[in-house]
């Protein structure tokens, strides 16, 4: 369940990074009764992108740690050489 939430967080972060204006517009429709009358300031879109970067980083670190805790990881050539000795 934790991995699914981390993956979902990463996807939301990617959406925030790639289409911040559409993301803000969608959430404004949810948050305000008359979303057409409200106009966000220009800095909001930069803040949404920054939040998206944080979400993606949190998701990547969380998924990496979850994989490392299970012992599931990418085996590298160095790992294989060390076990052959």
PDB file of N, CA and C in Angstrom:
ATOM      1  N   UNK A   1       0.818  -1.190   0.000  1.00  0.00           N
ATOM      2  CA  UNK A   1       0.000   0.000   0.000  1.00  0.00           C
ATOM      3  C   UNK A   1       0.869   1.264   0.000  1.00  0.00           C
ATOM      4  N   UNK A   2       1.974   1.221   0.754  1.00  0.00           N
ATOM      5  CA  UNK A   2       2.859   2.380   0.820  1.00  0.00           C
ATOM      6  C   UNK A   2       3.463   2.674  -0.548  1.00  0.00           C
ATOM      7  N   UNK A   3       3.831   1.645  -1.265  1.00  0.00           N
ATOM      8  CA  UNK A   3       4.427   1.839  -2.591  1.00  0.00           C
ATOM      9  C   UNK A   3       3.433   2.443  -3.567  1.00  0.00           C
ATOM     10  N   UNK A   4       2.182   2.039  -3.449  1.00  0.00           N
ATOM     11  CA  UNK A   4       1.152   2.598  -4.328  1.00  0.00           C
ATOM     12  C   UNK A   4       0.985   4.090  -4.052  1.00  0.00           C
ATOM     13  N   UNK A   5       0.973   4.464  -2.777  1.00  0.00           N
ATOM     14  CA  UNK A   5       0.854   5.881  -2.428  1.00  0.00           C
ATOM     15  C   UNK A   5       2.075   6.674  -2.897  1.00  0.00           C
ATOM     16  N   UNK A   6       3.251   6.090  -2.767  1.00  0.00           N
ATOM     17  CA  UNK A   6       4.454   6.763  -3.248  1.00  0.00           C
ATOM     18  C   UNK A   6       4.426   6.918  -4.766  1.00  0.00           C
ATOM     19  N   UNK A   7       3.980   5.889  -5.458  1.00  0.00           N
ATOM     20  CA  UNK A   7       3.871   5.964  -6.912  1.00  0.00           C
ATOM     21  C   UNK A   7       2.855   7.021  -7.325  1.00  0.00           C
ATOM     22  N   UNK A   8       1.727   7.062  -6.642  1.00  0.00           N
ATOM     23  CA  UNK A   8       0.705   8.068  -6.926  1.00  0.00           C
ATOM     24  C   UNK A   8       1.240   9.480  -6.653  1.00  0.00           C
ATOM     25  N   UNK A   9       1.999   9.631  -5.586  1.00  0.00           N
ATOM     26  CA  UNK A   9       2.616  10.925  -5.275  1.00  0.00           C
ATOM     27  C   UNK A   9       3.570  11.346  -6.387  1.00  0.00           C
ATOM     28  N   UNK A  10       4.342  10.408  -6.885  1.00  0.00           N
ATOM     29  CA  UNK A  10       5.257  10.705  -7.984  1.00  0.00           C
ATOM     30  C   UNK A  10       4.537  11.100  -9.256  1.00  0.00           C
ATOM     31  N   UNK A  11       3.436  10.436  -9.551  1.00  0.00           N
ATOM     32  CA  UNK A  11       2.657  10.764 -10.747  1.00  0.00           C
ATOM     33  C   UNK A  11       2.053  12.164 -10.618  1.00  0.00           C
ATOM     34  N   UNK A  12       1.509  12.477  -9.449  1.00  0.00           N
ATOM     35  CA  UNK A  12       0.958  13.821  -9.223  1.00  0.00           C
ATOM     36  C   UNK A  12       2.066  14.861  -9.370  1.00  0.00           C
ATOM     37  N   UNK A  13       3.235  14.559  -8.851  1.00  0.00           N
ATOM     38  CA  UNK A  13       4.367  15.475  -8.992  1.00  0.00           C
ATOM     39  C   UNK A  13       4.751  15.697 -10.443  1.00  0.00           C
ATOM     40  N   UNK A  14       4.750  14.645 -11.233  1.00  0.00           N
ATOM     41  CA  UNK A  14       5.059  14.785 -12.658  1.00  0.00           C
ATOM     42  C   UNK A  14       4.025  15.642 -13.371  1.00  0.00           C
ATOM     43  N   UNK A  15       2.760  15.469 -13.011  1.00  0.00           N
ATOM     44  CA  UNK A  15       1.705  16.291 -13.609  1.00  0.00           C
ATOM     45  C   UNK A  15       1.910  17.753 -13.226  1.00  0.00           C
ATOM     46  N   UNK A  16       2.249  17.996 -11.963  1.00  0.00           N
ATOM     47  CA  UNK A  16       2.490  19.373 -11.516  1.00  0.00           C
ATOM     48  C   UNK A  16       3.666  20.007 -12.254  1.00  0.00           C
ATOM     49  N   UNK A  17       4.683  19.230 -12.522  1.00  0.00           N
ATOM     50  CA  UNK A  17       5.858  19.758 -13.215  1.00  0.00           C
ATOM     51  C   UNK A  17       5.549  20.051 -14.678  1.00  0.00           C
ATOM     52  N   UNK A  18       4.830  19.150 -15.332  1.00  0.00           N
ATOM     53  CA  UNK A  18       4.628  19.276 -16.775  1.00  0.00           C
ATOM     54  C   UNK A  18       3.507  20.235 -17.157  1.00  0.00           C
ATOM     55  N   UNK A  19       2.405  20.248 -16.427  1.00  0.00           N
ATOM     56  CA  UNK A  19       1.267  21.117 -16.779  1.00  0.00           C
ATOM     57  C   UNK A  19       0.751  21.854 -15.539  1.00  0.00           C
ATOM     58  N   UNK A  20       1.532  22.793 -15.011  1.00  0.00           N
ATOM     59  CA  UNK A  20       1.111  23.464 -13.772  1.00  0.00           C
ATOM     60  C   UNK A  20      -0.151  24.309 -13.937  1.00  0.00           C
ATOM     61  N   UNK A  21      -0.337  24.933 -15.087  1.00  0.00           N
ATOM     62  CA  UNK A  21      -1.526  25.777 -15.287  1.00  0.00           C
ATOM     63  C   UNK A  21      -2.800  24.945 -15.290  1.00  0.00           C
ATOM     64  N   UNK A  22      -2.782  23.819 -15.951  1.00  0.00           N
ATOM     65  CA  UNK A  22      -3.958  22.939 -15.958  1.00  0.00           C
ATOM     66  C   UNK A  22      -4.220  22.374 -14.571  1.00  0.00           C
ATOM     67  N   UNK A  23      -3.159  22.053 -13.860  1.00  0.00           N
ATOM     68  CA  UNK A  23      -3.295  21.521 -12.506  1.00  0.00           C
ATOM     69  C   UNK A  23      -3.940  22.553 -11.583  1.00  0.00           C
ATOM     70  N   UNK A  24      -3.456  23.797 -11.652  1.00  0.00           N
ATOM     71  CA  UNK A  24      -4.021  24.865 -10.818  1.00  0.00           C
ATOM     72  C   UNK A  24      -5.472  25.123 -11.209  1.00  0.00           C
ATOM     73  N   UNK A  25      -5.750  25.156 -12.505  1.00  0.00           N
ATOM     74  CA  UNK A  25      -7.115  25.393 -12.973  1.00  0.00           C
ATOM     75  C   UNK A  25      -8.065  24.316 -12.458  1.00  0.00           C
ATOM     76  N   UNK A  26      -7.630  23.064 -12.493  1.00  0.00           N
ATOM     77  CA  UNK A  26      -8.480  21.963 -12.019  1.00  0.00           C
ATOM     78  C   UNK A  26      -8.749  22.086 -10.523  1.00  0.00           C
ATOM     79  N   UNK A  27      -7.714  22.380  -9.742  1.00  0.00           N
ATOM     80  CA  UNK A  27      -7.909  22.508  -8.298  1.00  0.00           C
ATOM     81  C   UNK A  27      -8.700  23.756  -7.934  1.00  0.00           C
ATOM     82  N   UNK A  28      -8.606  24.788  -8.742  1.00  0.00           N
ATOM     83  CA  UNK A  28      -9.415  25.982  -8.472  1.00  0.00           C
ATOM     84  C   UNK A  28     -10.899  25.685  -8.687  1.00  0.00           C
ATOM     85  N   UNK A  29     -11.202  24.869  -9.693  1.00  0.00           N
ATOM     86  CA  UNK A  29     -12.601  24.474  -9.905  1.00  0.00           C
ATOM     87  C   UNK A  29     -13.125  23.680  -8.724  1.00  0.00           C
ATOM     88  N   UNK A  30     -12.265  22.893  -8.100  1.00  0.00           N
ATOM     89  CA  UNK A  30     -12.671  22.110  -6.932  1.00  0.00           C
ATOM     90  C   UNK A  30     -12.822  23.012  -5.708  1.00  0.00           C
ATOM     91  N   UNK A  31     -11.925  23.970  -5.543  1.00  0.00           N
ATOM     92  CA  UNK A  31     -11.864  24.757  -4.312  1.00  0.00           C
ATOM     93  C   UNK A  31     -12.820  25.948  -4.275  1.00  0.00           C
ATOM     94  N   UNK A  32     -13.125  26.536  -5.426  1.00  0.00           N
ATOM     95  CA  UNK A  32     -13.931  27.758  -5.453  1.00  0.00           C
ATOM     96  C   UNK A  32     -15.260  27.527  -6.152  1.00  0.00           C
ATOM     97  N   UNK A  33     -16.278  28.230  -5.687  1.00  0.00           N
ATOM     98  CA  UNK A  33     -17.589  28.147  -6.348  1.00  0.00           C
ATOM     99  C   UNK A  33     -17.549  28.803  -7.715  1.00  0.00           C
ATOM    100  N   UNK A  34     -16.896  29.950  -7.795  1.00  0.00           N
ATOM    101  CA  UNK A  34     -16.808  30.684  -9.049  1.00  0.00           C
ATOM    102  C   UNK A  34     -15.331  30.793  -9.433  1.00  0.00           C
ATOM    103  N   UNK A  35     -14.790  29.716  -9.948  1.00  0.00           N
ATOM    104  CA  UNK A  35     -13.356  29.651 -10.238  1.00  0.00           C
ATOM    105  C   UNK A  35     -12.958  30.584 -11.372  1.00  0.00           C
ATOM    106  N   UNK A  36     -13.889  30.919 -12.254  1.00  0.00           N
ATOM    107  CA  UNK A  36     -13.555  31.795 -13.378  1.00  0.00           C
ATOM    108  C   UNK A  36     -13.248  33.213 -12.896  1.00  0.00           C
ATOM    109  N   UNK A  37     -13.845  33.616 -11.780  1.00  0.00           N
ATOM    110  CA  UNK A  37     -13.624  34.964 -11.257  1.00  0.00           C
ATOM    111  C   UNK A  37     -12.275  35.088 -10.555  1.00  0.00           C
ATOM    112  N   UNK A  38     -11.748  33.999 -10.059  1.00  0.00           N
ATOM    113  CA  UNK A  38     -10.460  34.026  -9.353  1.00  0.00           C
ATOM    114  C   UNK A  38      -9.333  33.818 -10.353  1.00  0.00           C
ATOM    115  N   UNK A  39      -8.290  34.605 -10.197  1.00  0.00           N
ATOM    116  CA  UNK A  39      -7.135  34.475 -11.078  1.00  0.00           C
ATOM    117  C   UNK A  39      -5.872  34.385 -10.224  1.00  0.00           C
ATOM    118  N   UNK A  40      -5.160  33.262 -10.294  1.00  0.00           N
ATOM    119  CA  UNK A  40      -3.953  33.126  -9.466  1.00  0.00           C
ATOM    120  C   UNK A  40      -2.832  34.027  -9.980  1.00  0.00           C
ATOM    121  N   UNK A  41      -1.976  34.402  -9.073  1.00  0.00           N
ATOM    122  CA  UNK A  41      -0.820  35.211  -9.464  1.00  0.00           C
ATOM    123  C   UNK A  41       0.184  34.331 -10.192  1.00  0.00           C
ATOM    124  N   UNK A  42       1.085  34.965 -10.899  1.00  0.00           N
ATOM    125  CA  UNK A  42       2.037  34.240 -11.745  1.00  0.00           C
ATOM    126  C   UNK A  42       2.972  33.352 -10.930  1.00  0.00           C
ATOM    127  N   UNK A  43       3.328  33.737  -9.708  1.00  0.00           N
ATOM    128  CA  UNK A  43       4.259  32.953  -8.900  1.00  0.00           C
ATOM    129  C   UNK A  43       3.664  31.612  -8.480  1.00  0.00           C
ATOM    130  N   UNK A  44       2.343  31.490  -8.548  1.00  0.00           N
ATOM    131  CA  UNK A  44       1.690  30.244  -8.129  1.00  0.00           C
ATOM    132  C   UNK A  44       2.159  29.078  -8.997  1.00  0.00           C
ATOM    133  N   UNK A  45       2.337  29.338 -10.289  1.00  0.00           N
ATOM    134  CA  UNK A  45       2.729  28.257 -11.196  1.00  0.00           C
ATOM    135  C   UNK A  45       4.150  27.770 -10.906  1.00  0.00           C
ATOM    136  N   UNK A  46       5.035  28.677 -10.558  1.00  0.00           N
ATOM    137  CA  UNK A  46       6.387  28.280 -10.146  1.00  0.00           C
ATOM    138  C   UNK A  46       6.367  27.487  -8.850  1.00  0.00           C
ATOM    139  N   UNK A  47       5.495  27.895  -7.934  1.00  0.00           N
ATOM    140  CA  UNK A  47       5.370  27.170  -6.665  1.00  0.00           C
ATOM    141  C   UNK A  47       4.815  25.769  -6.890  1.00  0.00           C
ATOM    142  N   UNK A  48       3.884  25.643  -7.827  1.00  0.00           N
ATOM    143  CA  UNK A  48       3.321  24.323  -8.139  1.00  0.00           C
ATOM    144  C   UNK A  48       4.398  23.432  -8.744  1.00  0.00           C
ATOM    145  N   UNK A  49       5.225  23.991  -9.619  1.00  0.00           N
ATOM    146  CA  UNK A  49       6.326  23.202 -10.190  1.00  0.00           C
ATOM    147  C   UNK A  49       7.308  22.767  -9.110  1.00  0.00           C
ATOM    148  N   UNK A  50       7.631  23.672  -8.192  1.00  0.00           N
ATOM    149  CA  UNK A  50       8.549  23.325  -7.097  1.00  0.00           C
ATOM    150  C   UNK A  50       7.952  22.228  -6.225  1.00  0.00           C
ATOM    151  N   UNK A  51       6.658  22.329  -5.946  1.00  0.00           N
ATOM    152  CA  UNK A  51       5.991  21.285  -5.172  1.00  0.00           C
ATOM    153  C   UNK A  51       6.042  19.950  -5.917  1.00  0.00           C
ATOM    154  N   UNK A  52       5.879  19.999  -7.235  1.00  0.00           N
ATOM    155  CA  UNK A  52       5.965  18.783  -8.036  1.00  0.00           C
ATOM    156  C   UNK A  52       7.331  18.134  -7.954  1.00  0.00           C
ATOM    157  N   UNK A  53       8.377  18.949  -7.973  1.00  0.00           N
ATOM    158  CA  UNK A  53       9.740  18.418  -7.848  1.00  0.00           C
ATOM    159  C   UNK A  53       9.917  17.740  -6.496  1.00  0.00           C
ATOM    160  N   UNK A  54       9.406  18.375  -5.444  1.00  0.00           N
ATOM    161  CA  UNK A  54       9.501  17.780  -4.105  1.00  0.00           C
ATOM    162  C   UNK A  54       8.743  16.461  -4.063  1.00  0.00           C
ATOM    163  N   UNK A  55       7.546  16.422  -4.635  1.00  0.00           N
ATOM    164  CA  UNK A  55       6.759  15.185  -4.650  1.00  0.00           C
ATOM    165  C   UNK A  55       7.498  14.069  -5.377  1.00  0.00           C
ATOM    166  N   UNK A  56       8.079  14.383  -6.521  1.00  0.00           N
ATOM    167  CA  UNK A  56       8.800  13.361  -7.290  1.00  0.00           C
ATOM    168  C   UNK A  56      10.012  12.864  -6.505  1.00  0.00           C
ATOM    169  N   UNK A  57      10.758  13.767  -5.888  1.00  0.00           N
ATOM    170  CA  UNK A  57      11.926  13.352  -5.102  1.00  0.00           C
ATOM    171  C   UNK A  57      11.527  12.497  -3.907  1.00  0.00           C
ATOM    172  N   UNK A  58      10.474  12.893  -3.213  1.00  0.00           N
ATOM    173  CA  UNK A  58       9.993  12.102  -2.072  1.00  0.00           C
ATOM    174  C   UNK A  58       9.566  10.714  -2.536  1.00  0.00           C
ATOM    175  N   UNK A  59       8.875  10.651  -3.663  1.00  0.00           N
ATOM    176  CA  UNK A  59       8.425   9.360  -4.174  1.00  0.00           C
ATOM    177  C   UNK A  59       9.608   8.478  -4.568  1.00  0.00           C
ATOM    178  N   UNK A  60      10.587   9.059  -5.243  1.00  0.00           N
ATOM    179  CA  UNK A  60      11.750   8.266  -5.657  1.00  0.00           C
ATOM    180  C   UNK A  60      12.542   7.753  -4.463  1.00  0.00           C
ATOM    181  N   UNK A  61      12.776   8.615  -3.494  1.00  0.00           N
ATOM    182  CA  UNK A  61      13.523   8.197  -2.302  1.00  0.00           C
ATOM    183  C   UNK A  61      12.736   7.139  -1.538  1.00  0.00           C
ATOM    184  N   UNK A  62      11.441   7.340  -1.391  1.00  0.00           N
ATOM    185  CA  UNK A  62      10.612   6.369  -0.679  1.00  0.00           C
ATOM    186  C   UNK A  62      10.570   5.022  -1.372  1.00  0.00           C
ATOM    187  N   UNK A  63      10.431   5.038  -2.691  1.00  0.00           N
ATOM    188  CA  UNK A  63      10.412   3.771  -3.429  1.00  0.00           C
ATOM    189  C   UNK A  63      11.771   3.082  -3.377  1.00  0.00           C
ATOM    190  N   UNK A  64      12.844   3.863  -3.437  1.00  0.00           N
ATOM    191  CA  UNK A  64      14.179   3.283  -3.333  1.00  0.00           C
ATOM    192  C   UNK A  64      14.377   2.623  -1.975  1.00  0.00           C
ATOM    193  N   UNK A  65      13.970   3.317  -0.920  1.00  0.00           N
ATOM    194  CA  UNK A  65      14.113   2.753   0.430  1.00  0.00           C
ATOM    195  C   UNK A  65      13.233   1.525   0.619  1.00  0.00           C
ATOM    196  N   UNK A  66      12.033   1.545   0.065  1.00  0.00           N
ATOM    197  CA  UNK A  66      11.148   0.385   0.184  1.00  0.00           C
ATOM    198  C   UNK A  66      11.745  -0.815  -0.542  1.00  0.00           C
ATOM    199  N   UNK A  67      12.338  -0.569  -1.704  1.00  0.00           N
ATOM    200  CA  UNK A  67      12.980  -1.651  -2.441  1.00  0.00           C
ATOM    201  C   UNK A  67      14.215  -2.171  -1.737  1.00  0.00           C
ATOM    202  N   UNK A  68      14.985  -1.275  -1.140  1.00  0.00           N
ATOM    203  CA  UNK A  68      16.192  -1.690  -0.421  1.00  0.00           C
ATOM    204  C   UNK A  68      15.840  -2.462   0.842  1.00  0.00           C
ATOM    205  N   UNK A  69      14.738  -2.108   1.483  1.00  0.00           N
ATOM    206  CA  UNK A  69      14.325  -2.804   2.703  1.00  0.00           C
ATOM    207  C   UNK A  69      13.903  -4.236   2.398  1.00  0.00           C
ATOM    208  N   UNK A  70      13.348  -4.450   1.217  1.00  0.00           N
ATOM    209  CA  UNK A  70      12.933  -5.795   0.823  1.00  0.00           C
ATOM    210  C   UNK A  70      14.075  -6.604   0.230  1.00  0.00           C
ATOM    211  N   UNK A  71      15.195  -5.964   0.009  1.00  0.00           N
ATOM    212  CA  UNK A  71      16.311  -6.659  -0.614  1.00  0.00           C
ATOM    213  C   UNK A  71      16.164  -6.738  -2.117  1.00  0.00           C
ATOM    214  N   UNK A  72      15.177  -6.038  -2.638  1.00  0.00           N
ATOM    215  CA  UNK A  72      14.971  -6.008  -4.078  1.00  0.00           C
ATOM    216  C   UNK A  72      15.718  -4.806  -4.607  1.00  0.00           C
ATOM    217  N   UNK A  73      16.599  -5.031  -5.501  1.00  0.00           N
ATOM    218  CA  UNK A  73      17.361  -3.917  -6.045  1.00  0.00           C
ATOM    219  C   UNK A  73      17.934  -4.297  -7.389  1.00  0.00           C
ATOM    220  N   UNK A  74      18.612  -3.379  -7.966  1.00  0.00           N
ATOM    221  CA  UNK A  74      19.249  -3.622  -9.245  1.00  0.00           C
ATOM    222  C   UNK A  74      20.617  -4.197  -8.973  1.00  0.00           C
ATOM    223  N   UNK A  75      20.891  -5.321  -9.560  1.00  0.00           N
ATOM    224  CA  UNK A  75      22.194  -5.930  -9.372  1.00  0.00           C
ATOM    225  C   UNK A  75      23.149  -5.345 -10.402  1.00  0.00           C
ATOM    226  N   UNK A  76      24.293  -4.935  -9.929  1.00  0.00           N
ATOM    227  CA  UNK A  76      25.280  -4.331 -10.815  1.00  0.00           C
ATOM    228  C   UNK A  76      26.419  -5.306 -11.058  1.00  0.00           C
ATOM    229  N   UNK A  77      27.247  -4.971 -11.963  1.00  0.00           N
ATOM    230  CA  UNK A  77      28.408  -5.802 -12.280  1.00  0.00           C
ATOM    231  C   UNK A  77      29.319  -5.914 -11.053  1.00  0.00           C
ATOM    232  N   UNK A  78      29.462  -4.842 -10.297  1.00  0.00           N
ATOM    233  CA  UNK A  78      30.306  -4.877  -9.098  1.00  0.00           C
ATOM    234  C   UNK A  78      29.737  -5.831  -8.055  1.00  0.00           C
ATOM    235  N   UNK A  79      28.404  -5.863  -7.931  1.00  0.00           N
ATOM    236  CA  UNK A  79      27.782  -6.790  -6.992  1.00  0.00           C
ATOM    237  C   UNK A  79      28.063  -8.236  -7.393  1.00  0.00           C
ATOM    238  N   UNK A  80      28.000  -8.521  -8.671  1.00  0.00           N
ATOM    239  CA  UNK A  80      28.226  -9.884  -9.140  1.00  0.00           C
ATOM    240  C   UNK A  80      29.684 -10.290  -8.966  1.00  0.00           C
ATOM    241  N   UNK A  81      30.612  -9.365  -9.217  1.00  0.00           N
ATOM    242  CA  UNK A  81      32.032  -9.668  -9.041  1.00  0.00           C
ATOM    243  C   UNK A  81      32.362  -9.924  -7.579  1.00  0.00           C
ATOM    244  N   UNK A  82      31.739  -9.203  -6.680  1.00  0.00           N
ATOM    245  CA  UNK A  82      32.006  -9.361  -5.252  1.00  0.00           C
ATOM    246  C   UNK A  82      31.511 -10.712  -4.751  1.00  0.00           C
ATOM    247  N   UNK A  83      30.418 -11.209  -5.296  1.00  0.00           N
ATOM    248  CA  UNK A  83      29.892 -12.498  -4.846  1.00  0.00           C
ATOM    249  C   UNK A  83      30.626 -13.667  -5.486  1.00  0.00           C
ATOM    250  N   UNK A  84      31.301 -13.437  -6.604  1.00  0.00           N
ATOM    251  CA  UNK A  84      32.035 -14.511  -7.270  1.00  0.00           C
ATOM    252  C   UNK A  84      33.317 -14.872  -6.528  1.00  0.00           C
ATOM    253  N   UNK A  85      33.872 -13.937  -5.759  1.00  0.00           N
ATOM    254  CA  UNK A  85      35.143 -14.191  -5.057  1.00  0.00           C
ATOM    255  C   UNK A  85      35.003 -15.142  -3.949  1.00  0.00           C
TER     256      UNK A  85
END
